[in-house]
Every structure is written in C-alpha cells, then in structure tokens.
Amino acid sequence: MGSFSIWHWLIVLLIVIMVFGTKKLKNLGGDLGGAVKGFKDGMKEGSTPEDKPAAQVNAATEAAKTTIDVEAKHKS
C-alpha cells in the first residue's frame, strides 16, 4: 500500500499534460535546463584567483594599484 504503481504515475502524467499542455511543459523543461546551465557557469566564474587566467589576475592587480582610499570629513 505505501508506494504508487506505474499506472498511478501514468494517470498523474496524463492529468498534468491535460492541464498544462505539451507546449508549456516543453518550454518549462527548456527554461529549467537553461537555468541549471547558467548556475553552473556562474559557479565556474566564482572560482579562486589561482584558477583564473593570468591576464585576468594582472588586470585585477592593476586596478587595485590605481584605487585611492580616502576618508570624508564633515564640516561643522
């Protein structure tokens, strides 16, 4: 009694197809796949500096050298 048979799942699938239609389900699958791919690409970009190419590390170092840190003072 605790588990569903294949016939239960087929009936559920048929009802989902009838409610949403095949075109929306196809678009939903494509959108989900694109989101997963984008997430994986984002995780690759967030790697440590040792994994980045030398040109990107050099550009970041040059940008850090030209940054000026100042402190604002209020007039009284």
N, C-alpha and C. Protein backbone atom coordinates (compact mmCIF):
# COMPACT_ATOMS: atom_id res chain seq x y z
N MET A 1 0.80 -1.18 0.00
CA MET A 1 0.00 0.00 0.00
C MET A 1 0.85 1.26 0.00
N GLY A 2 1.99 1.41 0.50
CA GLY A 2 2.72 2.65 0.65
C GLY A 2 3.25 3.26 -0.63
N SER A 3 3.45 2.50 -1.70
CA SER A 3 4.03 3.07 -2.91
C SER A 3 3.02 3.07 -4.06
N PHE A 4 3.32 3.92 -5.02
CA PHE A 4 2.45 4.02 -6.19
C PHE A 4 2.94 3.10 -7.28
N SER A 5 2.01 2.56 -8.03
CA SER A 5 2.38 1.71 -9.16
C SER A 5 2.61 2.58 -10.40
N ILE A 6 3.05 1.97 -11.46
CA ILE A 6 3.29 2.70 -12.71
C ILE A 6 2.00 3.29 -13.26
N TRP A 7 0.88 2.64 -13.01
CA TRP A 7 -0.40 3.14 -13.51
C TRP A 7 -0.79 4.44 -12.80
N HIS A 8 -0.49 4.56 -11.53
CA HIS A 8 -0.76 5.81 -10.82
C HIS A 8 0.04 6.95 -11.42
N TRP A 9 1.31 6.71 -11.69
CA TRP A 9 2.16 7.76 -12.25
C TRP A 9 1.73 8.13 -13.66
N LEU A 10 1.28 7.17 -14.45
CA LEU A 10 0.80 7.46 -15.80
C LEU A 10 -0.46 8.31 -15.76
N ILE A 11 -1.34 8.04 -14.82
CA ILE A 11 -2.55 8.86 -14.69
C ILE A 11 -2.19 10.27 -14.26
N VAL A 12 -1.27 10.42 -13.33
CA VAL A 12 -0.83 11.75 -12.91
C VAL A 12 -0.20 12.50 -14.08
N LEU A 13 0.64 11.84 -14.86
CA LEU A 13 1.26 12.45 -16.03
C LEU A 13 0.21 12.89 -17.05
N LEU A 14 -0.80 12.07 -17.28
CA LEU A 14 -1.87 12.41 -18.22
C LEU A 14 -2.63 13.65 -17.75
N ILE A 15 -2.91 13.74 -16.46
CA ILE A 15 -3.63 14.90 -15.93
C ILE A 15 -2.78 16.16 -16.05
N VAL A 16 -1.47 16.06 -15.77
CA VAL A 16 -0.58 17.22 -15.90
C VAL A 16 -0.53 17.69 -17.35
N ILE A 17 -0.46 16.77 -18.29
CA ILE A 17 -0.43 17.13 -19.72
C ILE A 17 -1.74 17.79 -20.11
N MET A 18 -2.84 17.30 -19.61
CA MET A 18 -4.14 17.89 -19.94
C MET A 18 -4.28 19.29 -19.36
N VAL A 19 -3.75 19.52 -18.18
CA VAL A 19 -3.88 20.83 -17.54
C VAL A 19 -2.95 21.85 -18.18
N PHE A 20 -1.68 21.51 -18.36
CA PHE A 20 -0.70 22.48 -18.84
C PHE A 20 -0.49 22.45 -20.34
N GLY A 21 -0.71 21.35 -20.99
CA GLY A 21 -0.45 21.23 -22.42
C GLY A 21 1.01 20.89 -22.68
N THR A 22 1.25 20.26 -23.80
CA THR A 22 2.61 19.81 -24.10
C THR A 22 3.55 20.97 -24.41
N LYS A 23 3.03 22.05 -25.02
CA LYS A 23 3.90 23.17 -25.38
C LYS A 23 4.45 23.86 -24.14
N LYS A 24 3.61 24.08 -23.14
CA LYS A 24 4.09 24.73 -21.91
C LYS A 24 5.08 23.84 -21.17
N LEU A 25 4.84 22.54 -21.17
CA LEU A 25 5.76 21.63 -20.49
C LEU A 25 7.11 21.60 -21.20
N LYS A 26 7.08 21.68 -22.54
CA LYS A 26 8.33 21.70 -23.30
C LYS A 26 9.11 22.98 -23.00
N ASN A 27 8.42 24.12 -22.95
CA ASN A 27 9.07 25.39 -22.62
C ASN A 27 9.61 25.38 -21.20
N LEU A 28 8.87 24.78 -20.29
CA LEU A 28 9.30 24.70 -18.90
C LEU A 28 10.59 23.89 -18.78
N GLY A 29 10.68 22.79 -19.51
CA GLY A 29 11.89 21.97 -19.50
C GLY A 29 13.09 22.73 -20.05
N GLY A 30 12.88 23.47 -21.14
CA GLY A 30 13.96 24.26 -21.72
C GLY A 30 14.42 25.37 -20.79
N ASP A 31 13.46 26.02 -20.12
CA ASP A 31 13.82 27.08 -19.18
C ASP A 31 14.58 26.53 -17.98
N LEU A 32 14.16 25.39 -17.50
CA LEU A 32 14.83 24.76 -16.37
C LEU A 32 16.27 24.37 -16.74
N GLY A 33 16.44 23.82 -17.93
CA GLY A 33 17.77 23.44 -18.40
C GLY A 33 18.68 24.66 -18.54
N GLY A 34 18.13 25.76 -19.06
CA GLY A 34 18.91 27.00 -19.20
C GLY A 34 19.30 27.56 -17.85
N ALA A 35 18.41 27.46 -16.87
CA ALA A 35 18.72 27.95 -15.53
C ALA A 35 19.83 27.13 -14.89
N VAL A 36 19.79 25.83 -15.07
CA VAL A 36 20.83 24.96 -14.50
C VAL A 36 22.17 25.26 -15.16
N LYS A 37 22.16 25.46 -16.48
CA LYS A 37 23.41 25.77 -17.19
C LYS A 37 23.98 27.11 -16.73
N GLY A 38 23.11 28.10 -16.57
CA GLY A 38 23.55 29.40 -16.08
C GLY A 38 24.13 29.32 -14.68
N PHE A 39 23.52 28.50 -13.83
CA PHE A 39 24.02 28.32 -12.47
C PHE A 39 25.40 27.68 -12.49
N LYS A 40 25.59 26.67 -13.33
CA LYS A 40 26.89 26.01 -13.41
C LYS A 40 27.96 26.97 -13.92
N ASP A 41 27.62 27.79 -14.94
CA ASP A 41 28.58 28.77 -15.46
C ASP A 41 28.93 29.80 -14.39
N GLY A 42 27.94 30.22 -13.61
CA GLY A 42 28.19 31.16 -12.53
C GLY A 42 29.10 30.59 -11.46
N MET A 43 28.94 29.31 -11.18
CA MET A 43 29.80 28.68 -10.18
C MET A 43 31.24 28.58 -10.69
N LYS A 44 31.42 28.38 -11.99
CA LYS A 44 32.76 28.33 -12.55
C LYS A 44 33.44 29.69 -12.48
N GLU A 45 32.67 30.78 -12.70
CA GLU A 45 33.24 32.13 -12.68
C GLU A 45 33.62 32.54 -11.26
N GLY A 46 33.00 31.98 -10.26
CA GLY A 46 33.28 32.35 -8.88
C GLY A 46 34.44 31.57 -8.28
N SER A 47 35.33 31.07 -9.10
CA SER A 47 36.45 30.27 -8.60
C SER A 47 37.52 31.16 -7.99
N THR A 48 38.49 30.56 -7.36
CA THR A 48 39.57 31.30 -6.71
C THR A 48 40.51 31.92 -7.75
N PRO A 49 41.28 32.95 -7.36
CA PRO A 49 42.17 33.61 -8.32
C PRO A 49 43.22 32.68 -8.92
N GLU A 50 43.59 31.62 -8.23
CA GLU A 50 44.59 30.70 -8.79
C GLU A 50 44.06 29.99 -10.04
N ASP A 51 42.75 29.84 -10.13
CA ASP A 51 42.17 29.15 -11.28
C ASP A 51 41.94 30.08 -12.46
N LYS A 52 42.06 31.41 -12.25
CA LYS A 52 41.80 32.36 -13.32
C LYS A 52 43.02 32.48 -14.22
N PRO A 53 42.81 32.84 -15.49
CA PRO A 53 43.95 33.08 -16.39
C PRO A 53 44.78 34.26 -15.91
N ALA A 54 46.04 34.28 -16.30
CA ALA A 54 46.99 35.29 -15.83
C ALA A 54 46.56 36.70 -16.23
N ALA A 55 45.96 36.88 -17.40
CA ALA A 55 45.55 38.21 -17.86
C ALA A 55 44.50 38.80 -16.93
N GLN A 56 43.56 37.99 -16.46
CA GLN A 56 42.53 38.50 -15.56
C GLN A 56 43.14 38.86 -14.21
N VAL A 57 44.05 38.09 -13.72
CA VAL A 57 44.70 38.37 -12.44
C VAL A 57 45.50 39.65 -12.55
N ASN A 58 46.25 39.85 -13.66
CA ASN A 58 47.04 41.06 -13.86
C ASN A 58 46.15 42.29 -13.95
N ALA A 59 45.02 42.18 -14.62
CA ALA A 59 44.11 43.31 -14.75
C ALA A 59 43.53 43.69 -13.39
N ALA A 60 43.21 42.69 -12.58
CA ALA A 60 42.69 42.97 -11.24
C ALA A 60 43.76 43.61 -10.37
N THR A 61 45.00 43.20 -10.51
CA THR A 61 46.09 43.77 -9.73
C THR A 61 46.33 45.22 -10.13
N GLU A 62 46.29 45.52 -11.42
CA GLU A 62 46.47 46.89 -11.89
C GLU A 62 45.35 47.78 -11.40
N ALA A 63 44.13 47.29 -11.40
CA ALA A 63 43.00 48.08 -10.91
C ALA A 63 43.15 48.36 -9.43
N ALA A 64 43.67 47.43 -8.68
CA ALA A 64 43.86 47.62 -7.24
C ALA A 64 44.95 48.65 -6.97
N LYS A 65 45.95 48.74 -7.83
CA LYS A 65 47.04 49.70 -7.64
C LYS A 65 46.57 51.12 -7.88
N THR A 66 45.60 51.34 -8.76
CA THR A 66 45.15 52.68 -9.09
C THR A 66 44.01 53.15 -8.20
N THR A 67 43.51 52.32 -7.32
CA THR A 67 42.43 52.72 -6.43
C THR A 67 42.98 53.57 -5.29
N ILE A 68 42.30 54.69 -5.01
CA ILE A 68 42.72 55.59 -3.95
C ILE A 68 41.69 55.51 -2.83
N ASP A 69 42.15 55.25 -1.63
CA ASP A 69 41.28 55.14 -0.48
C ASP A 69 41.31 56.46 0.28
N VAL A 70 40.14 57.11 0.41
CA VAL A 70 40.07 58.39 1.10
C VAL A 70 39.01 58.33 2.20
N GLU A 71 39.09 59.29 3.12
CA GLU A 71 38.10 59.36 4.19
C GLU A 71 37.43 60.73 4.12
N ALA A 72 36.11 60.74 4.11
CA ALA A 72 35.36 62.01 4.03
C ALA A 72 35.23 62.61 5.42
N LYS A 73 35.36 63.96 5.51
CA LYS A 73 35.21 64.66 6.77
C LYS A 73 34.01 65.60 6.66
N HIS A 74 33.27 65.73 7.74
CA HIS A 74 32.11 66.60 7.77
C HIS A 74 32.52 67.99 8.26
N LYS A 75 31.95 69.04 7.65
CA LYS A 75 32.19 70.41 8.11
C LYS A 75 31.27 70.69 9.28
N SER A 76 31.77 71.46 10.24
CA SER A 76 30.92 71.78 11.39
C SER A 76 30.55 73.24 11.43
